[in-house]
């Protein structure tokens, strides 16, 4: 059951030029949060819409999120200081199934944080592949290396890890290993490519869609996306029916 509360900022840490990690005192949210869920955060009095931010970790009453400061709302959030409060609504949405088997986690850019929580909660062995534009954009590398049995890093320009895309490395891993499921989060072109790759290899795939949201509880339809079930198309709400979907049910337009 989602709750709305004012949560105290315990820590804020700059990860890159644009990415900031916040640790928030929110026991009633952290204690019930699942990997892949998100919180809807009010970002200042002048911002009408809340911002959906994926949960990066939830432990001992502390909620961790990573924010990429791009617009006015996320810049406001990245500028909070320890001791100040933020207005949270959560946990929201349906998350990843991490119950068992060997998992391959594929993340791109700011899509990495929710996968870290999935890696920490996974019941079986976990291999993760993260991709970023360049070395200066890499986040959470140490945390993933600690949480996962195997870790691969790629950058578009080769300044850190392996040069190339996450799909290149993931294809090699799927050739060499058996995975029970793939979990992915990142930009839509990456998710579309991952969905095609997992279809080729016959591996189940769960993708977390990142859409602009209004209410966060399924009432306003701002985040509607097209999906297919039982052979027919219909509109799903990312905030309520997702953000995690079966990749083969998403209409990749």
Protein backbone atom coordinates (compact mmCIF):
# COMPACT_ATOMS: atom_id res chain seq x y z
CA UNK A 1 0.00 0.00 0.00
CA UNK A 2 1.65 3.28 -1.08
CA UNK A 3 2.01 6.03 1.47
CA UNK A 4 2.72 9.73 1.20
CA UNK A 5 5.21 11.18 3.65
CA UNK A 6 7.81 13.86 4.23
CA UNK A 7 11.17 12.13 4.29
CA UNK A 8 14.39 13.54 5.70
CA UNK A 9 17.48 13.58 3.49
CA UNK A 10 20.18 11.62 5.30
CA UNK A 11 22.87 11.91 2.64
CA UNK A 12 23.36 13.31 -0.85
CA UNK A 13 26.37 12.33 -2.90
CA UNK A 14 27.46 13.49 -6.34
CA UNK A 15 28.19 10.52 -8.60
CA UNK A 16 28.87 12.31 -11.88
CA UNK A 17 28.38 15.81 -13.25
CA UNK A 18 24.63 15.18 -13.51
CA UNK A 19 23.85 12.17 -11.28
CA UNK A 20 23.26 12.39 -7.52
CA UNK A 21 22.58 9.68 -4.95
CA UNK A 22 20.15 10.46 -2.13
CA UNK A 23 19.58 8.38 0.99
CA UNK A 24 16.19 9.12 2.56
CA UNK A 25 14.71 8.23 5.94
CA UNK A 26 11.52 6.45 4.88
CA UNK A 27 10.96 3.24 6.85
CA UNK A 28 7.30 2.79 5.90
CA UNK A 29 8.27 2.87 2.20
CA UNK A 30 11.63 1.10 2.39
CA UNK A 31 10.26 -1.82 4.38
CA UNK A 32 7.70 -2.74 1.69
CA UNK A 33 9.56 -1.73 -1.50
CA UNK A 34 10.37 -4.32 -4.18
CA UNK A 35 13.03 -4.17 -6.92
CA UNK A 36 11.75 -2.27 -9.94
CA UNK A 37 9.25 -0.15 -8.03
CA UNK A 38 9.56 3.64 -7.85
CA UNK A 39 8.70 6.62 -5.70
CA UNK A 40 6.89 9.71 -6.97
CA UNK A 41 8.69 12.78 -5.60
CA UNK A 42 7.40 16.34 -5.36
CA UNK A 43 10.21 18.55 -6.61
CA UNK A 44 9.54 22.00 -5.21
CA UNK A 45 6.41 24.12 -4.84
CA UNK A 46 6.54 25.41 -8.42
CA UNK A 47 6.55 21.97 -10.06
CA UNK A 48 3.04 20.69 -10.70
CA UNK A 49 3.94 17.09 -11.56
CA UNK A 50 5.92 14.78 -9.31
CA UNK A 51 8.97 12.98 -10.71
CA UNK A 52 9.05 9.18 -10.83
CA UNK A 53 12.40 7.96 -9.50
CA UNK A 54 13.32 4.27 -9.42
CA UNK A 55 14.32 2.72 -6.10
CA UNK A 56 18.04 1.95 -6.05
CA UNK A 57 18.05 0.29 -2.64
CA UNK A 58 15.84 -0.12 0.43
CA UNK A 59 17.39 -1.35 3.64
CA UNK A 60 16.95 -0.80 7.37
CA UNK A 61 14.33 1.90 6.83
CA UNK A 62 16.50 3.87 4.41
CA UNK A 63 15.47 4.44 0.80
CA UNK A 64 18.17 5.13 -1.80
CA UNK A 65 17.47 6.80 -5.15
CA UNK A 66 19.69 8.16 -7.91
CA UNK A 67 18.60 11.33 -9.67
CA UNK A 68 19.86 12.68 -12.97
CA UNK A 69 19.60 16.48 -12.81
CA UNK A 70 18.24 17.49 -16.21
CA UNK A 71 15.15 19.66 -15.79
CA UNK A 72 14.05 22.17 -13.17
CA UNK A 73 12.43 19.53 -10.96
CA UNK A 74 15.33 17.10 -10.85
CA UNK A 75 17.82 19.96 -10.41
CA UNK A 76 15.80 21.07 -7.38
CA UNK A 77 15.90 17.55 -5.98
CA UNK A 78 19.64 17.21 -6.59
CA UNK A 79 20.13 20.44 -4.66
CA UNK A 80 18.60 19.16 -1.40
CA UNK A 81 20.84 19.07 1.66
CA UNK A 82 21.01 16.61 4.59
CA UNK A 83 18.33 17.48 7.14
CA UNK A 84 15.92 18.90 4.57
CA UNK A 85 12.78 16.96 3.65
CA UNK A 86 11.22 15.79 0.40
CA UNK A 87 7.63 14.71 -0.23
CA UNK A 88 7.45 11.04 -1.28
CA UNK A 89 4.62 8.88 -2.57
CA UNK A 90 5.38 5.17 -2.76
CA UNK A 91 6.31 2.47 -3.25
CA UNK A 92 4.49 2.41 -6.59
CA UNK A 93 4.21 0.10 -9.56
CA UNK A 94 4.95 -3.54 -10.24
CA UNK A 95 8.58 -4.64 -10.02
CA UNK A 96 10.90 -7.38 -11.23
CA UNK A 97 10.53 -11.06 -10.44
CA UNK A 98 13.87 -12.00 -8.86
CA UNK A 99 12.67 -15.16 -7.16
CA UNK A 100 15.04 -17.70 -8.63
CA UNK A 101 17.36 -18.93 -11.33
CA UNK A 102 20.30 -17.28 -12.99
CA UNK A 103 19.67 -13.69 -14.02
CA UNK A 104 21.29 -11.42 -16.61
CA UNK A 105 20.80 -7.75 -15.76
CA UNK A 106 21.22 -5.23 -18.59
CA UNK A 107 21.24 -1.51 -17.81
CA UNK A 108 21.88 1.66 -19.74
CA UNK A 109 22.76 5.01 -18.17
CA UNK A 110 20.33 6.11 -15.47
CA UNK A 111 18.57 2.77 -15.94
CA UNK A 112 21.26 1.13 -13.80
CA UNK A 113 20.02 2.06 -10.27
CA UNK A 114 16.86 -0.12 -10.09
CA UNK A 115 18.88 -3.09 -11.32
CA UNK A 116 21.23 -2.74 -8.36
CA UNK A 117 18.33 -3.34 -5.98
CA UNK A 118 17.29 -6.32 -8.11
CA UNK A 119 20.82 -7.75 -7.92
CA UNK A 120 20.85 -7.41 -4.14
CA UNK A 121 17.48 -9.12 -3.77
CA UNK A 122 18.00 -11.89 -6.34
CA UNK A 123 17.78 -15.44 -5.06
CA UNK A 124 20.18 -16.93 -7.63
CA UNK A 125 23.39 -16.03 -9.44
CA UNK A 126 23.51 -12.64 -11.13
CA UNK A 127 25.52 -11.32 -14.06
CA UNK A 128 25.17 -7.63 -14.91
CA UNK A 129 26.07 -5.62 -18.01
CA UNK A 130 25.99 -1.84 -17.76
CA UNK A 131 26.48 0.63 -20.58
CA UNK A 132 27.25 4.35 -20.52
CA UNK A 133 28.20 7.00 -23.06
CA UNK A 134 31.66 7.62 -21.64
CA UNK A 135 33.77 7.06 -18.51
CA UNK A 136 32.52 10.26 -16.89
CA UNK A 137 28.95 8.91 -16.92
CA UNK A 138 29.66 5.61 -15.15
CA UNK A 139 27.76 5.18 -11.88
CA UNK A 140 27.52 2.50 -9.19
CA UNK A 141 30.31 0.33 -10.62
CA UNK A 142 31.71 -0.70 -7.23
CA UNK A 143 28.24 -1.48 -5.89
CA UNK A 144 27.41 -3.74 -8.85
CA UNK A 145 30.73 -5.54 -8.61
CA UNK A 146 29.98 -6.29 -4.95
CA UNK A 147 26.36 -7.35 -5.54
CA UNK A 148 26.87 -9.51 -8.63
CA UNK A 149 28.67 -12.76 -9.37
CA UNK A 150 29.95 -11.29 -12.65
CA UNK A 151 30.03 -7.71 -13.94
CA UNK A 152 30.67 -6.22 -17.39
CA UNK A 153 31.03 -2.53 -18.25
CA UNK A 154 30.73 -0.92 -21.67
CA UNK A 155 31.05 2.62 -22.95
CA UNK A 156 30.19 3.98 -26.37
CA UNK A 157 33.66 5.48 -26.79
CA UNK A 158 35.73 2.84 -24.99
CA UNK A 159 36.98 5.18 -22.26
CA UNK A 160 35.91 2.68 -19.59
CA UNK A 161 35.33 -1.05 -19.82
CA UNK A 162 34.67 -2.56 -23.23
CA UNK A 163 33.94 -0.37 -26.22
CA UNK A 164 30.49 -0.96 -27.69
CA UNK A 165 26.91 -1.48 -26.63
CA UNK A 166 25.37 -3.62 -23.89
CA UNK A 167 23.70 -5.78 -26.53
CA UNK A 168 27.09 -6.76 -27.97
CA UNK A 169 28.31 -8.09 -24.62
CA UNK A 170 24.91 -9.57 -23.76
CA UNK A 171 24.84 -11.55 -27.00
CA UNK A 172 28.24 -13.04 -26.18
CA UNK A 173 27.09 -13.92 -22.66
CA UNK A 174 23.93 -15.56 -23.98
CA UNK A 175 26.07 -17.60 -26.37
CA UNK A 176 28.33 -18.80 -23.56
CA UNK A 177 25.88 -19.24 -20.66
CA UNK A 178 22.38 -20.32 -19.76
CA UNK A 179 20.23 -17.65 -18.14
CA UNK A 180 16.75 -18.17 -16.75
CA UNK A 181 15.70 -14.56 -17.25
CA UNK A 182 16.91 -11.14 -18.38
CA UNK A 183 16.04 -7.94 -16.52
CA UNK A 184 16.61 -4.64 -18.32
CA UNK A 185 16.23 -0.94 -17.72
CA UNK A 186 17.41 1.98 -19.83
CA UNK A 187 16.51 4.07 -22.87
CA UNK A 188 13.77 2.69 -25.10
CA UNK A 189 16.03 1.93 -28.14
CA UNK A 190 18.20 -0.21 -25.85
CA UNK A 191 15.17 -2.01 -24.41
CA UNK A 192 13.82 -2.67 -27.89
CA UNK A 193 17.16 -4.20 -28.91
CA UNK A 194 17.30 -6.30 -25.72
CA UNK A 195 13.75 -7.53 -26.34
CA UNK A 196 14.72 -8.64 -29.85
CA UNK A 197 17.88 -10.34 -28.56
CA UNK A 198 16.08 -12.30 -25.85
CA UNK A 199 13.40 -13.34 -28.31
CA UNK A 200 16.15 -14.73 -30.55
CA UNK A 201 17.60 -16.76 -27.67
CA UNK A 202 14.26 -17.80 -26.20
CA UNK A 203 14.94 -16.24 -22.80
CA UNK A 204 12.22 -14.52 -20.80
CA UNK A 205 12.81 -10.80 -20.44
CA UNK A 206 11.42 -8.17 -18.09
CA UNK A 207 11.86 -4.50 -19.03
CA UNK A 208 11.28 -1.40 -16.95
CA UNK A 209 9.81 1.42 -19.03
CA UNK A 210 10.71 5.00 -18.22
CA UNK A 211 7.79 7.26 -19.09
CA UNK A 212 6.75 10.72 -17.95
CA UNK A 213 4.05 10.28 -15.32
CA UNK A 214 1.38 12.52 -13.89
CA UNK A 215 -0.52 11.01 -10.98
CA UNK A 216 1.60 7.89 -10.50
CA UNK A 217 -1.43 5.76 -9.55
CA UNK A 218 -3.08 5.07 -12.91
CA UNK A 219 -5.74 7.76 -12.96
CA UNK A 220 -4.49 10.34 -15.46
CA UNK A 221 -3.25 8.10 -18.34
CA UNK A 222 -0.24 10.36 -19.04
CA UNK A 223 2.05 7.32 -19.06
CA UNK A 224 -0.09 5.03 -21.22
CA UNK A 225 1.82 2.66 -23.50
CA UNK A 226 0.70 0.08 -26.05
CA UNK A 227 0.97 -3.61 -25.13
CA UNK A 228 -0.25 -6.92 -26.55
CA UNK A 229 -1.97 -9.66 -24.57
CA UNK A 230 -3.80 -12.69 -25.94
CA UNK A 231 -3.16 -11.45 -29.47
CA UNK A 232 -4.83 -8.04 -29.11
CA UNK A 233 -3.41 -4.59 -28.50
CA UNK A 234 -4.51 -2.38 -25.64
CA UNK A 235 -3.20 0.55 -23.63
CA UNK A 236 -1.43 -0.14 -20.35
CA UNK A 237 -0.46 2.35 -17.66
CA UNK A 238 3.25 2.31 -16.91
CA UNK A 239 2.78 3.62 -13.37
CA UNK A 240 0.21 1.00 -12.37
CA UNK A 241 0.56 -1.94 -14.79
CA UNK A 242 4.36 -1.50 -14.91
CA UNK A 243 6.87 0.00 -14.88
CA UNK A 244 8.12 -3.57 -15.38
CA UNK A 245 6.57 -5.49 -18.29
CA UNK A 246 7.18 -8.72 -20.14
CA UNK A 247 9.33 -7.47 -23.03
CA UNK A 248 7.39 -9.52 -25.57
CA UNK A 249 4.15 -7.82 -24.59
CA UNK A 250 5.40 -4.29 -25.29
CA UNK A 251 4.66 -2.76 -28.71
CA UNK A 252 8.01 -1.24 -29.66
CA UNK A 253 6.99 1.63 -31.94
